[in-house]
Protein backbone atom coordinates (compact mmCIF):
# COMPACT_ATOMS: atom_id res chain seq x y z
CA MET A 1 -24.81 -47.10 84.41
CA ALA A 2 -24.66 -43.57 85.73
CA SER A 3 -24.46 -43.09 89.48
CA PRO A 4 -27.86 -43.50 91.21
CA ALA A 5 -27.14 -40.19 92.96
CA CYS A 6 -27.49 -38.44 89.62
CA ASP A 7 -31.24 -38.20 89.09
CA GLU A 8 -32.85 -37.47 85.73
CA LEU A 9 -33.14 -33.70 86.16
CA ARG A 10 -29.52 -33.40 87.29
CA PHE A 11 -28.34 -35.60 84.41
CA ILE A 12 -30.23 -33.50 81.84
CA GLU A 13 -28.88 -30.28 83.34
CA LEU A 14 -25.31 -31.62 83.18
CA PHE A 15 -25.63 -32.86 79.61
CA GLU A 16 -27.21 -29.64 78.34
CA THR A 17 -24.70 -27.36 80.06
CA ARG A 18 -21.49 -29.43 80.06
CA GLY A 19 -21.80 -31.94 77.20
CA ALA A 20 -21.19 -35.70 77.19
CA LYS A 21 -17.49 -35.77 78.12
CA GLU A 22 -17.75 -33.59 81.24
CA THR A 23 -21.01 -35.27 82.30
CA ALA A 24 -19.25 -38.64 82.19
CA GLN A 25 -16.39 -37.30 84.33
CA ILE A 26 -18.72 -35.69 86.90
CA VAL A 27 -21.05 -38.69 87.16
CA GLY A 28 -18.24 -41.23 87.13
CA THR A 29 -19.12 -43.28 84.06
CA SER A 30 -18.18 -43.63 80.39
CA GLU A 31 -19.29 -41.40 77.52
CA ARG A 32 -20.99 -44.44 75.98
CA ARG A 33 -23.16 -44.82 79.11
CA VAL A 34 -23.95 -41.11 79.02
CA TYR A 35 -25.16 -41.34 75.41
CA GLU A 36 -27.19 -44.46 76.22
CA ARG A 37 -28.90 -42.76 79.16
CA ARG A 38 -29.52 -39.64 77.08
CA ALA A 39 -31.23 -41.79 74.41
CA ARG A 40 -33.47 -43.48 77.00
CA LEU A 41 -34.48 -40.14 78.49
CA GLU A 42 -35.23 -38.64 75.06
CA SER A 43 -37.50 -41.60 74.34
CA LYS A 44 -39.18 -41.29 77.73
CA LEU A 45 -39.64 -37.50 77.65
CA GLY A 46 -40.35 -37.15 73.92
CA ARG A 47 -37.87 -34.32 73.40
CA ALA A 48 -34.26 -33.83 72.34
CA ILE A 49 -31.57 -33.42 74.98
CA LYS A 50 -28.76 -31.47 73.34
CA PRO A 51 -25.22 -30.56 74.43
CA PRO A 52 -24.38 -26.83 74.63
CA SER A 53 -22.69 -26.77 71.21
CA GLN A 54 -26.01 -27.56 69.52
CA ARG A 55 -27.72 -24.43 70.79
CA ILE A 56 -25.98 -22.02 68.42
CA THR A 57 -27.82 -19.19 66.70
CA ASN A 58 -27.88 -19.82 62.95
CA SER A 59 -27.41 -17.27 60.17
CA GLU A 60 -27.70 -17.80 56.42
CA HIS A 61 -24.85 -20.24 56.80
CA PRO A 62 -25.02 -21.67 60.33
CA GLN A 63 -21.88 -21.16 62.35
CA ARG A 64 -21.99 -24.81 63.39
CA VAL A 65 -23.62 -28.08 62.52
CA CYS A 66 -23.42 -30.45 65.48
CA LEU A 67 -23.56 -34.23 65.27
CA ASP A 68 -23.67 -37.02 67.83
CA VAL A 69 -21.78 -40.14 66.74
CA PRO A 70 -21.47 -42.51 69.71
CA ASP A 71 -20.21 -45.33 67.48
CA GLY A 72 -19.32 -45.46 63.80
CA ILE A 73 -17.25 -43.91 61.07
CA VAL A 74 -17.15 -40.36 59.72
CA ALA A 75 -15.46 -39.82 56.35
CA VAL A 76 -13.87 -36.40 55.84
CA ALA A 77 -12.59 -35.08 52.50
CA SER A 78 -11.73 -31.60 51.33
CA ASP A 79 -10.37 -29.45 48.54
CA GLY A 80 -11.94 -31.12 45.54
CA HIS A 81 -11.59 -27.98 43.41
CA TYR A 82 -13.69 -30.03 41.02
CA TRP A 83 -12.83 -29.36 37.39
CA PRO A 84 -14.87 -30.31 34.32
CA GLY A 85 -13.69 -33.50 32.64
CA ARG A 86 -11.43 -34.65 35.48
CA ILE A 87 -12.18 -37.24 38.17
CA SER A 88 -9.30 -37.77 40.59
CA THR A 89 -8.09 -41.05 42.07
CA ALA A 90 -8.88 -39.79 45.58
CA HIS A 91 -12.45 -38.94 44.59
CA ARG A 92 -13.01 -42.42 43.16
CA ALA A 93 -11.57 -43.87 46.37
CA PHE A 94 -13.82 -41.70 48.54
CA VAL A 95 -16.92 -42.87 46.67
CA LYS A 96 -15.77 -46.50 46.97
CA PHE A 97 -15.06 -46.06 50.68
CA CYS A 98 -18.52 -44.61 51.32
CA LYS A 99 -20.17 -47.52 49.50
CA GLU A 100 -18.24 -50.18 51.38
CA HIS A 101 -17.86 -48.73 54.89
CA LYS A 102 -21.23 -46.94 55.19
CA PRO A 103 -20.15 -43.95 57.32
CA LYS A 104 -22.57 -42.35 59.74
CA ALA A 105 -21.65 -38.96 58.32
CA VAL A 106 -19.77 -37.57 55.35
CA ILE A 107 -18.11 -34.18 55.74
CA PHE A 108 -16.83 -32.25 52.74
CA ASN A 109 -14.41 -29.92 54.45
CA GLY A 110 -14.42 -27.02 52.02
CA ASP A 111 -13.49 -26.01 48.49
CA ALA A 112 -15.57 -28.42 46.45
CA PHE A 113 -16.10 -25.38 44.22
CA ASP A 114 -13.00 -23.67 42.83
CA GLY A 115 -14.32 -20.45 41.27
CA ALA A 116 -11.41 -20.05 38.89
CA SER A 117 -13.19 -17.59 36.57
CA ILE A 118 -14.24 -15.32 39.47
CA SER A 119 -10.95 -15.37 41.35
CA ARG A 120 -9.43 -12.05 42.38
CA HIS A 121 -6.20 -13.30 40.82
CA PRO A 122 -5.73 -12.44 37.12
CA PRO A 123 -5.44 -15.24 34.56
CA ILE A 124 -1.96 -16.44 33.70
CA ASN A 125 -1.22 -15.77 30.02
CA TRP A 126 -4.14 -17.13 27.95
CA GLU A 127 -5.16 -19.93 30.28
CA GLN A 128 -8.63 -21.40 29.88
CA ARG A 129 -10.85 -21.41 32.94
CA PRO A 130 -14.24 -23.11 33.22
CA THR A 131 -17.31 -20.95 33.64
CA VAL A 132 -19.19 -20.79 36.92
CA GLN A 133 -22.01 -22.82 35.38
CA GLN A 134 -19.58 -25.52 34.23
CA GLU A 135 -18.06 -25.69 37.69
CA ILE A 136 -21.41 -25.85 39.48
CA GLU A 137 -22.56 -28.67 37.20
CA THR A 138 -19.29 -30.54 37.80
CA VAL A 139 -19.55 -30.17 41.58
CA GLN A 140 -23.15 -31.40 41.39
CA GLU A 141 -21.97 -34.49 39.50
CA ARG A 142 -19.12 -35.28 41.92
CA LEU A 143 -21.09 -34.61 45.11
CA GLY A 144 -24.01 -36.50 43.57
CA GLU A 145 -21.75 -39.56 43.32
CA ILE A 146 -20.93 -39.21 47.02
CA GLU A 147 -24.61 -38.74 47.88
CA LYS A 148 -25.51 -41.95 46.05
CA ALA A 149 -22.69 -43.90 47.71
CA ALA A 150 -23.55 -42.63 51.20
CA PHE A 151 -27.28 -42.13 50.84
CA LYS A 152 -28.03 -42.89 54.52
CA ALA A 153 -25.24 -40.72 55.92
CA GLU A 154 -25.58 -37.21 57.29
CA LYS A 155 -23.94 -34.91 54.75
CA VAL A 156 -22.28 -31.66 55.84
CA TRP A 157 -20.33 -29.19 53.72
CA THR A 158 -18.06 -26.99 55.83
CA LEU A 159 -17.47 -24.04 53.56
CA GLY A 160 -14.03 -23.07 52.29
CA ASN A 161 -12.52 -19.87 50.96
CA HIS A 162 -12.95 -20.94 47.33
CA ASP A 163 -16.59 -21.86 48.01
CA GLY A 164 -17.03 -18.33 49.33
CA ARG A 165 -16.12 -16.87 45.94
CA PHE A 166 -19.55 -17.81 44.57
CA GLU A 167 -21.60 -15.62 46.89
CA SER A 168 -18.95 -12.93 47.35
CA CYS A 169 -18.92 -12.26 43.62
CA ILE A 170 -22.69 -11.79 43.52
CA ALA A 171 -22.81 -9.76 46.75
CA LEU A 172 -20.14 -7.34 45.49
CA ARG A 173 -21.38 -6.95 41.92
CA ALA A 174 -25.13 -7.33 42.25
CA PRO A 175 -26.22 -6.82 45.88
CA GLU A 176 -29.76 -6.11 44.66
CA TYR A 177 -30.15 -9.89 44.11
CA ALA A 178 -29.95 -10.63 47.84
CA ASN A 179 -32.23 -13.51 48.89
CA VAL A 180 -33.15 -14.45 45.31
CA HIS A 181 -33.11 -18.23 44.99
CA GLY A 182 -29.89 -19.36 43.39
CA VAL A 183 -27.58 -16.66 44.71
CA HIS A 184 -26.53 -18.87 47.61
CA LEU A 185 -24.25 -21.82 46.96
CA LYS A 186 -26.46 -24.04 49.11
CA ASP A 187 -29.38 -23.47 46.73
CA HIS A 188 -27.62 -25.73 44.22
CA PHE A 189 -26.85 -28.53 46.70
CA PRO A 190 -29.97 -29.28 48.74
CA ALA A 191 -28.69 -32.63 50.05
CA TRP A 192 -25.87 -30.95 51.98
CA ARG A 193 -26.03 -28.95 55.20
CA GLY A 194 -23.74 -25.95 54.89
CA ALA A 195 -21.91 -24.41 57.84
CA TRP A 196 -18.59 -22.91 58.81
CA SER A 197 -17.80 -25.79 61.14
CA CYS A 198 -19.06 -29.21 62.15
CA TRP A 199 -18.74 -30.38 65.75
CA ILE A 200 -18.92 -34.08 66.60
CA ASN A 201 -19.71 -35.22 70.15
CA ASP A 202 -18.72 -31.75 71.34
CA SER A 203 -15.05 -32.82 71.20
CA VAL A 204 -14.05 -32.84 67.52
CA VAL A 205 -14.16 -29.71 65.35
CA ILE A 206 -14.12 -29.90 61.54
CA LYS A 207 -13.62 -26.66 59.60
CA HIS A 208 -11.88 -25.69 56.39
CA ARG A 209 -9.04 -23.59 57.77
CA PHE A 210 -7.60 -22.25 60.99
CA LYS A 211 -3.82 -22.04 61.46
CA GLY A 212 -1.26 -21.90 58.65
CA GLY A 213 2.37 -22.80 58.07
CA ILE A 214 4.40 -25.97 58.38
CA HIS A 215 3.24 -26.53 61.98
CA ALA A 216 -0.42 -25.81 61.25
CA THR A 217 -1.86 -29.06 62.62
CA HIS A 218 0.08 -28.76 65.89
CA ASN A 219 -0.86 -25.12 66.37
CA ALA A 220 -4.48 -25.70 65.41
CA THR A 221 -5.15 -28.29 68.11
CA LEU A 222 -3.05 -26.33 70.62
CA TRP A 223 -5.18 -23.20 70.11
CA ALA A 224 -8.51 -24.98 69.64
CA GLY A 225 -8.16 -27.06 72.80
CA LYS A 226 -9.91 -29.87 70.93
CA THR A 227 -9.21 -32.29 68.13
CA ILE A 228 -9.51 -30.20 64.99
CA ILE A 229 -9.75 -31.37 61.39
CA THR A 230 -8.82 -28.79 58.74
CA GLY A 231 -8.27 -28.66 54.98
CA HIS A 232 -6.96 -25.78 52.87
CA LEU A 233 -3.24 -26.64 53.05
CA HIS A 234 -3.49 -29.98 51.18
CA SER A 235 -0.95 -31.57 53.56
CA LEU A 236 -2.73 -34.83 54.58
CA LYS A 237 -1.31 -35.58 58.02
CA VAL A 238 -2.19 -36.39 61.61
CA THR A 239 -0.39 -34.70 64.51
CA PRO A 240 -1.01 -35.95 68.06
CA PHE A 241 -0.92 -33.55 71.01
CA ASN A 242 -0.94 -34.47 74.70
CA ASP A 243 -1.48 -32.31 77.76
CA TYR A 244 -3.11 -32.79 81.17
CA ASN A 245 -6.44 -33.38 79.42
CA GLY A 246 -5.11 -36.38 77.50
CA VAL A 247 -4.51 -36.87 73.78
CA ARG A 248 -6.09 -34.96 70.94
CA TRP A 249 -5.15 -34.50 67.31
CA GLY A 250 -4.57 -31.83 64.70
CA VAL A 251 -5.49 -33.29 61.31
CA ASP A 252 -5.06 -32.01 57.76
CA THR A 253 -7.43 -33.66 55.28
CA GLY A 254 -5.14 -33.22 52.25
CA CYS A 255 -6.98 -32.76 48.97
CA ILE A 256 -9.40 -34.86 46.95
CA ALA A 257 -8.14 -33.06 43.85
CA ASP A 258 -5.14 -34.24 41.87
CA PRO A 259 -2.32 -31.90 43.02
CA ASP A 260 -1.01 -31.86 39.45
CA GLY A 261 -4.38 -30.87 37.96
CA PRO A 262 -5.02 -27.71 35.93
CA GLN A 263 -6.68 -26.07 38.94
CA PHE A 264 -3.19 -25.47 40.31
CA ASP A 265 -1.38 -24.22 37.20
CA TYR A 266 -0.71 -21.00 39.09
CA ASN A 267 2.13 -22.92 40.78
CA GLU A 268 4.13 -22.39 37.57
CA ASP A 269 5.45 -25.98 37.64
CA ASN A 270 7.09 -25.53 41.05
CA PRO A 271 7.29 -28.52 43.43
CA ARG A 272 4.01 -28.97 45.28
CA ASN A 273 4.14 -30.25 48.83
CA HIS A 274 0.55 -31.44 48.52
CA ARG A 275 -0.90 -34.93 49.01
CA SER A 276 -4.14 -36.36 47.70
CA GLY A 277 -6.39 -38.45 49.95
CA PHE A 278 -8.85 -38.13 52.81
CA ILE A 279 -9.38 -38.88 56.52
CA VAL A 280 -11.35 -41.56 58.35
CA LEU A 281 -12.62 -40.88 61.88
CA THR A 282 -13.79 -43.82 64.00
CA PHE A 283 -15.77 -43.32 67.21
CA LYS A 284 -16.25 -45.87 69.99
CA GLY A 285 -18.41 -44.98 72.95
CA GLY A 286 -18.35 -41.35 71.86
CA ARG A 287 -14.54 -41.23 71.86
CA LEU A 288 -12.41 -40.69 68.79
CA LEU A 289 -9.85 -43.37 67.96
CA TRP A 290 -6.57 -42.43 66.24
CA PRO A 291 -7.55 -40.68 62.96
CA GLU A 292 -6.63 -42.67 59.84
CA ILE A 293 -5.32 -41.55 56.46
CA VAL A 294 -6.32 -42.84 53.04
CA SER A 295 -3.66 -41.65 50.59
CA VAL A 296 -3.23 -41.96 46.84
CA PHE A 297 -0.63 -44.62 45.94
CA ASP A 298 -0.73 -44.20 42.16
CA LYS A 299 -3.32 -43.25 39.55
CA ASP A 300 -5.28 -46.49 40.08
CA HIS A 301 -4.69 -47.27 43.77
CA VAL A 302 -4.86 -45.85 47.29
CA GLU A 303 -3.30 -47.15 50.50
CA PHE A 304 -5.27 -47.72 53.69
CA ARG A 305 -4.55 -49.81 56.79
CA GLY A 306 -1.51 -51.42 55.20
CA GLN A 307 -3.32 -52.42 52.02
CA VAL A 308 -3.00 -51.11 48.47
CA ILE A 309 -6.54 -50.88 47.11
CA ARG A 310 -7.57 -50.55 43.49
CA VAL A 311 -10.16 -47.85 42.78
C-alpha cells in the first residue's frame, strides 16, 4: 500500500503531474500498488485520473494515444505493406498469436498501407502496381483478420510514412476535398485509433520511425530516454540500454510483410537485411519485461520462446 502520509489529494496530484513510475518512487511503493490505488480512487470519485501523457491536445491524427497496461501482453507488428493476393507467414502468425494469447492491446506500428501507385518514385520498367482501391481493400481484409482475432483488445495504428501517402496525395492534388468523408485514411478503418505514437504506462513509446542507420535501436532509446519501439527499418531486434535510471530497450519490430515480396522489387534483387516477424511486450505491475521476438522460421513456421510453431 502507498504510504499513509500520502493522502488522496496528494496522490492524485502526483499521478496527474508525474505519472505512475515517479509517483511510486516518491511514495515508496511499487507501480502495481500505484495503479491499484488509482483504480480505487477512480471508482470512489467517479472520474478518470490520468498521467500527464494522456492530456495531449489532439489534431486530425492525435499526436499520442496513451494506454495503461498494469498487467498483460501487447502485440506490436509493423510494415505490412499489404499487397493484393499475398498473405505472409508473419501475418498468419500474428493472427494466430492474437487468438491464443489474447493481448490487452494490438499496435500496428505503421505502413499497413503501401501506396505503390501514388509513390513519388517512378515505376521500374513496366512493373504492375495495385491501385489505391485494391490496396485499401486488401488492408481492410488483413486488419479485419486481426480485429476478429483480437476483438477485445485496444487497437491502435501508429501511422507510417507509407500510410501518409494516402492523404498527402489528396491534399496536394485536390485540397478542395478537405474534410470530405473518405479523404482520411482513418475513415476506412473505424476499428483502429490512429496516432503518430502510442505511449504505454508513460514509460514505453511506440512509433513508426525515429532514428536510422545500423545503430538505430541504440540511438533511439538513448535519445528518447524511454523504451521505444519503432518499425520502418525492418530489422527485428531488441537492444538493451542501461544508465543510472536502470534498463530500457530500443526495439525494431521488423516487418509483417515477406521481405522478398513484390512490394520491394525496387531493391533490384540486392541482398535485403530485413527480417519478418513481430514483437511481444509483457507488463507486470506496470513494468515492461524483456521484449520478445517472434520471427519467421520458414514459410510455414515461426519461432517463439524456443519453439518452432506451425502457422
